[in-house]
Structures are given as C-alpha cells and as structure tokens.
Amino acid sequence: MRPPERIGNWIEGRQVEPAGDQWLDKFDPHSGQLLAQLADSGAIDVDAAIGAAGRAAAAWADCTPVKRGQWILANVLGTPP
C-alpha cells in the first residue's frame, strides 16, 4: 500500500508543505481508509499566503473571468483550458 497523497498549501502559484510540517489525516467516512494528508497550516503559512495574494492582486484583477478560469484549469486542476 502506497503512502497517502499530501496536499499542501497553494502559495505563490505552487503547492508548498506547511511550515510546521504538521498534517491532518483525511479518512473515507464509509470505509475508514486514509485518503490523503492535508496541510495543518499555522500563522507562518497564513502570512505567506496573504503576502502572495497581495503581490498577485493587481495582475489577477486585470485578468478577465475567462482568463482566470483558464489559469485555474491549467495550474490548479491540471486540465487543459
């Protein structure tokens, strides 16, 4: 059995591990199977996310809704726009 996927924080356009290296287990409520580990973020992670959002705000605001959707599809969901 392979280890569960770790899902980190999305900061600066990429997935990063939580600064404190703390993780929360996500279980399937029906089977009890461990599905993934999710970042248990702290103040350092929140500050990093807020800083990144502030730096990206102007460029993101200039994008059309269609461009935003295409970016999310390609960069977050991994599907072609």
N, C-alpha and C. Protein backbone atom coordinates (compact mmCIF):
# COMPACT_ATOMS: atom_id res chain seq x y z
N MET A 1 0.84 -1.17 0.00
CA MET A 1 0.00 0.00 0.00
C MET A 1 0.89 1.25 0.00
N ARG A 2 0.59 2.15 -0.90
CA ARG A 2 1.42 3.35 -1.01
C ARG A 2 0.99 4.40 0.03
N PRO A 3 1.90 5.30 0.38
CA PRO A 3 1.54 6.34 1.35
C PRO A 3 0.49 7.28 0.75
N PRO A 4 -0.31 7.91 1.61
CA PRO A 4 -1.36 8.80 1.10
C PRO A 4 -0.77 10.05 0.46
N GLU A 5 -1.53 10.63 -0.45
CA GLU A 5 -1.13 11.88 -1.08
C GLU A 5 -1.12 12.97 -0.02
N ARG A 6 -0.12 13.84 -0.10
CA ARG A 6 -0.07 15.00 0.78
C ARG A 6 -0.49 16.23 -0.02
N ILE A 7 -1.45 16.95 0.50
CA ILE A 7 -1.96 18.14 -0.16
C ILE A 7 -1.57 19.34 0.68
N GLY A 8 -0.64 20.12 0.13
CA GLY A 8 -0.11 21.26 0.86
C GLY A 8 -0.91 22.53 0.61
N ASN A 9 -0.30 23.63 0.98
CA ASN A 9 -0.90 24.95 0.77
C ASN A 9 -0.58 25.44 -0.63
N TRP A 10 -1.50 26.19 -1.22
CA TRP A 10 -1.28 26.77 -2.55
C TRP A 10 -0.83 28.21 -2.35
N ILE A 11 0.49 28.45 -2.48
CA ILE A 11 1.08 29.77 -2.24
C ILE A 11 2.06 30.07 -3.36
N GLU A 12 2.00 31.30 -3.89
CA GLU A 12 2.89 31.73 -4.98
C GLU A 12 2.74 30.84 -6.21
N GLY A 13 1.53 30.35 -6.45
CA GLY A 13 1.29 29.57 -7.65
C GLY A 13 1.79 28.14 -7.61
N ARG A 14 2.08 27.64 -6.41
CA ARG A 14 2.55 26.26 -6.31
C ARG A 14 2.14 25.68 -4.97
N GLN A 15 2.13 24.38 -4.90
CA GLN A 15 1.79 23.69 -3.66
C GLN A 15 3.04 23.61 -2.77
N VAL A 16 2.91 24.05 -1.53
CA VAL A 16 4.04 24.01 -0.59
C VAL A 16 3.62 23.31 0.70
N GLU A 17 4.57 22.67 1.32
CA GLU A 17 4.29 22.00 2.59
C GLU A 17 4.11 23.03 3.70
N PRO A 18 3.35 22.70 4.73
CA PRO A 18 3.17 23.64 5.83
C PRO A 18 4.50 23.88 6.56
N ALA A 19 4.69 25.11 7.01
CA ALA A 19 5.96 25.48 7.65
C ALA A 19 6.27 24.61 8.87
N GLY A 20 5.25 24.23 9.61
CA GLY A 20 5.46 23.41 10.81
C GLY A 20 5.52 21.92 10.54
N ASP A 21 5.42 21.51 9.27
CA ASP A 21 5.42 20.10 8.87
C ASP A 21 4.37 19.30 9.64
N GLN A 22 3.21 19.92 9.84
CA GLN A 22 2.10 19.25 10.51
C GLN A 22 1.03 18.92 9.47
N TRP A 23 0.43 17.73 9.61
CA TRP A 23 -0.54 17.24 8.63
C TRP A 23 -1.77 16.70 9.33
N LEU A 24 -2.92 16.84 8.66
CA LEU A 24 -4.18 16.28 9.14
C LEU A 24 -4.56 15.10 8.25
N ASP A 25 -4.97 14.01 8.86
CA ASP A 25 -5.39 12.85 8.09
C ASP A 25 -6.84 13.01 7.63
N LYS A 26 -7.09 12.69 6.37
CA LYS A 26 -8.44 12.73 5.79
C LYS A 26 -8.85 11.30 5.49
N PHE A 27 -9.90 10.85 6.17
CA PHE A 27 -10.37 9.47 6.03
C PHE A 27 -11.67 9.40 5.24
N ASP A 28 -11.86 8.30 4.53
CA ASP A 28 -13.14 8.00 3.90
C ASP A 28 -14.10 7.65 5.04
N PRO A 29 -15.21 8.40 5.19
CA PRO A 29 -16.10 8.13 6.32
C PRO A 29 -16.80 6.77 6.26
N HIS A 30 -16.88 6.21 5.08
CA HIS A 30 -17.55 4.91 4.94
C HIS A 30 -16.62 3.75 5.28
N SER A 31 -15.43 3.78 4.67
CA SER A 31 -14.52 2.64 4.83
C SER A 31 -13.47 2.84 5.92
N GLY A 32 -13.25 4.10 6.31
CA GLY A 32 -12.19 4.37 7.28
C GLY A 32 -10.81 4.43 6.65
N GLN A 33 -10.73 4.26 5.33
CA GLN A 33 -9.45 4.27 4.63
C GLN A 33 -8.86 5.69 4.64
N LEU A 34 -7.56 5.77 4.89
CA LEU A 34 -6.85 7.05 4.83
C LEU A 34 -6.75 7.47 3.37
N LEU A 35 -7.33 8.61 3.02
CA LEU A 35 -7.35 9.08 1.64
C LEU A 35 -6.19 10.01 1.33
N ALA A 36 -5.89 10.91 2.24
CA ALA A 36 -4.86 11.92 1.99
C ALA A 36 -4.46 12.56 3.31
N GLN A 37 -3.38 13.32 3.25
CA GLN A 37 -2.98 14.15 4.37
C GLN A 37 -3.03 15.59 3.90
N LEU A 38 -3.68 16.44 4.70
CA LEU A 38 -3.87 17.83 4.36
C LEU A 38 -3.00 18.71 5.25
N ALA A 39 -2.49 19.80 4.67
CA ALA A 39 -1.65 20.72 5.43
C ALA A 39 -2.40 21.25 6.65
N ASP A 40 -1.77 21.16 7.81
CA ASP A 40 -2.30 21.77 9.04
C ASP A 40 -1.53 23.07 9.21
N SER A 41 -2.06 24.11 8.60
CA SER A 41 -1.34 25.37 8.47
C SER A 41 -1.38 26.20 9.74
N GLY A 42 -0.31 26.95 9.93
CA GLY A 42 -0.20 27.84 11.07
C GLY A 42 -0.03 29.28 10.61
N ALA A 43 0.32 30.14 11.54
CA ALA A 43 0.43 31.58 11.28
C ALA A 43 1.47 31.88 10.20
N ILE A 44 2.57 31.16 10.16
CA ILE A 44 3.60 31.40 9.13
C ILE A 44 3.03 31.14 7.75
N ASP A 45 2.26 30.07 7.61
CA ASP A 45 1.65 29.74 6.32
C ASP A 45 0.62 30.79 5.92
N VAL A 46 -0.19 31.22 6.87
CA VAL A 46 -1.21 32.24 6.58
C VAL A 46 -0.54 33.54 6.15
N ASP A 47 0.49 33.95 6.86
CA ASP A 47 1.21 35.18 6.49
C ASP A 47 1.80 35.08 5.08
N ALA A 48 2.35 33.92 4.75
CA ALA A 48 2.92 33.72 3.40
C ALA A 48 1.83 33.80 2.34
N ALA A 49 0.67 33.21 2.60
CA ALA A 49 -0.44 33.24 1.65
C ALA A 49 -0.98 34.66 1.47
N ILE A 50 -1.10 35.40 2.57
CA ILE A 50 -1.59 36.78 2.48
C ILE A 50 -0.61 37.64 1.70
N GLY A 51 0.68 37.47 1.95
CA GLY A 51 1.68 38.23 1.21
C GLY A 51 1.65 37.92 -0.28
N ALA A 52 1.52 36.65 -0.62
CA ALA A 52 1.46 36.24 -2.03
C ALA A 52 0.21 36.80 -2.70
N ALA A 53 -0.91 36.76 -1.98
CA ALA A 53 -2.16 37.29 -2.54
C ALA A 53 -2.04 38.80 -2.80
N GLY A 54 -1.42 39.50 -1.89
CA GLY A 54 -1.23 40.95 -2.08
C GLY A 54 -0.37 41.26 -3.28
N ARG A 55 0.68 40.48 -3.49
CA ARG A 55 1.56 40.69 -4.64
C ARG A 55 0.87 40.36 -5.96
N ALA A 56 -0.06 39.42 -5.94
CA ALA A 56 -0.73 38.98 -7.16
C ALA A 56 -2.02 39.74 -7.46
N ALA A 57 -2.51 40.51 -6.52
CA ALA A 57 -3.84 41.12 -6.64
C ALA A 57 -4.01 41.98 -7.89
N ALA A 58 -3.06 42.85 -8.19
CA ALA A 58 -3.21 43.77 -9.33
C ALA A 58 -3.27 42.99 -10.65
N ALA A 59 -2.36 42.05 -10.82
CA ALA A 59 -2.33 41.28 -12.07
C ALA A 59 -3.59 40.43 -12.21
N TRP A 60 -4.05 39.83 -11.11
CA TRP A 60 -5.25 38.99 -11.14
C TRP A 60 -6.47 39.84 -11.46
N ALA A 61 -6.54 41.04 -10.90
CA ALA A 61 -7.69 41.93 -11.15
C ALA A 61 -7.76 42.35 -12.62
N ASP A 62 -6.62 42.41 -13.29
CA ASP A 62 -6.58 42.79 -14.70
C ASP A 62 -7.01 41.65 -15.63
N CYS A 63 -7.08 40.43 -15.12
CA CYS A 63 -7.47 39.28 -15.94
C CYS A 63 -8.99 39.23 -16.10
N THR A 64 -9.43 38.80 -17.26
CA THR A 64 -10.86 38.59 -17.47
C THR A 64 -11.28 37.32 -16.73
N PRO A 65 -12.56 37.17 -16.45
CA PRO A 65 -13.01 35.93 -15.81
C PRO A 65 -12.65 34.68 -16.61
N VAL A 66 -12.69 34.77 -17.93
CA VAL A 66 -12.33 33.62 -18.76
C VAL A 66 -10.86 33.27 -18.57
N LYS A 67 -9.98 34.27 -18.55
CA LYS A 67 -8.54 34.02 -18.35
C LYS A 67 -8.28 33.42 -16.97
N ARG A 68 -9.00 33.91 -15.96
CA ARG A 68 -8.85 33.36 -14.60
C ARG A 68 -9.25 31.88 -14.60
N GLY A 69 -10.37 31.58 -15.23
CA GLY A 69 -10.82 30.19 -15.30
C GLY A 69 -9.84 29.30 -16.01
N GLN A 70 -9.27 29.79 -17.11
CA GLN A 70 -8.28 29.02 -17.86
C GLN A 70 -7.03 28.76 -17.01
N TRP A 71 -6.62 29.77 -16.25
CA TRP A 71 -5.44 29.62 -15.40
C TRP A 71 -5.70 28.57 -14.33
N ILE A 72 -6.86 28.64 -13.70
CA ILE A 72 -7.19 27.66 -12.65
C ILE A 72 -7.25 26.25 -13.23
N LEU A 73 -7.88 26.09 -14.37
CA LEU A 73 -7.94 24.77 -15.00
C LEU A 73 -6.55 24.21 -15.28
N ALA A 74 -5.68 25.04 -15.83
CA ALA A 74 -4.35 24.58 -16.20
C ALA A 74 -3.41 24.39 -15.02
N ASN A 75 -3.46 25.30 -14.05
CA ASN A 75 -2.45 25.31 -12.98
C ASN A 75 -2.88 24.66 -11.68
N VAL A 76 -4.15 24.63 -11.41
CA VAL A 76 -4.62 24.04 -10.16
C VAL A 76 -5.21 22.66 -10.40
N LEU A 77 -6.07 22.57 -11.39
CA LEU A 77 -6.75 21.30 -11.66
C LEU A 77 -5.98 20.39 -12.62
N GLY A 78 -4.99 20.96 -13.31
CA GLY A 78 -4.16 20.16 -14.20
C GLY A 78 -4.85 19.71 -15.47
N THR A 79 -5.89 20.42 -15.89
CA THR A 79 -6.58 20.06 -17.11
C THR A 79 -6.39 21.17 -18.15
N PRO A 80 -6.34 20.82 -19.39
CA PRO A 80 -6.16 21.85 -20.42
C PRO A 80 -7.39 22.76 -20.48
N PRO A 81 -7.16 24.07 -20.71
CA PRO A 81 -8.28 25.01 -20.79
C PRO A 81 -9.15 24.77 -22.01
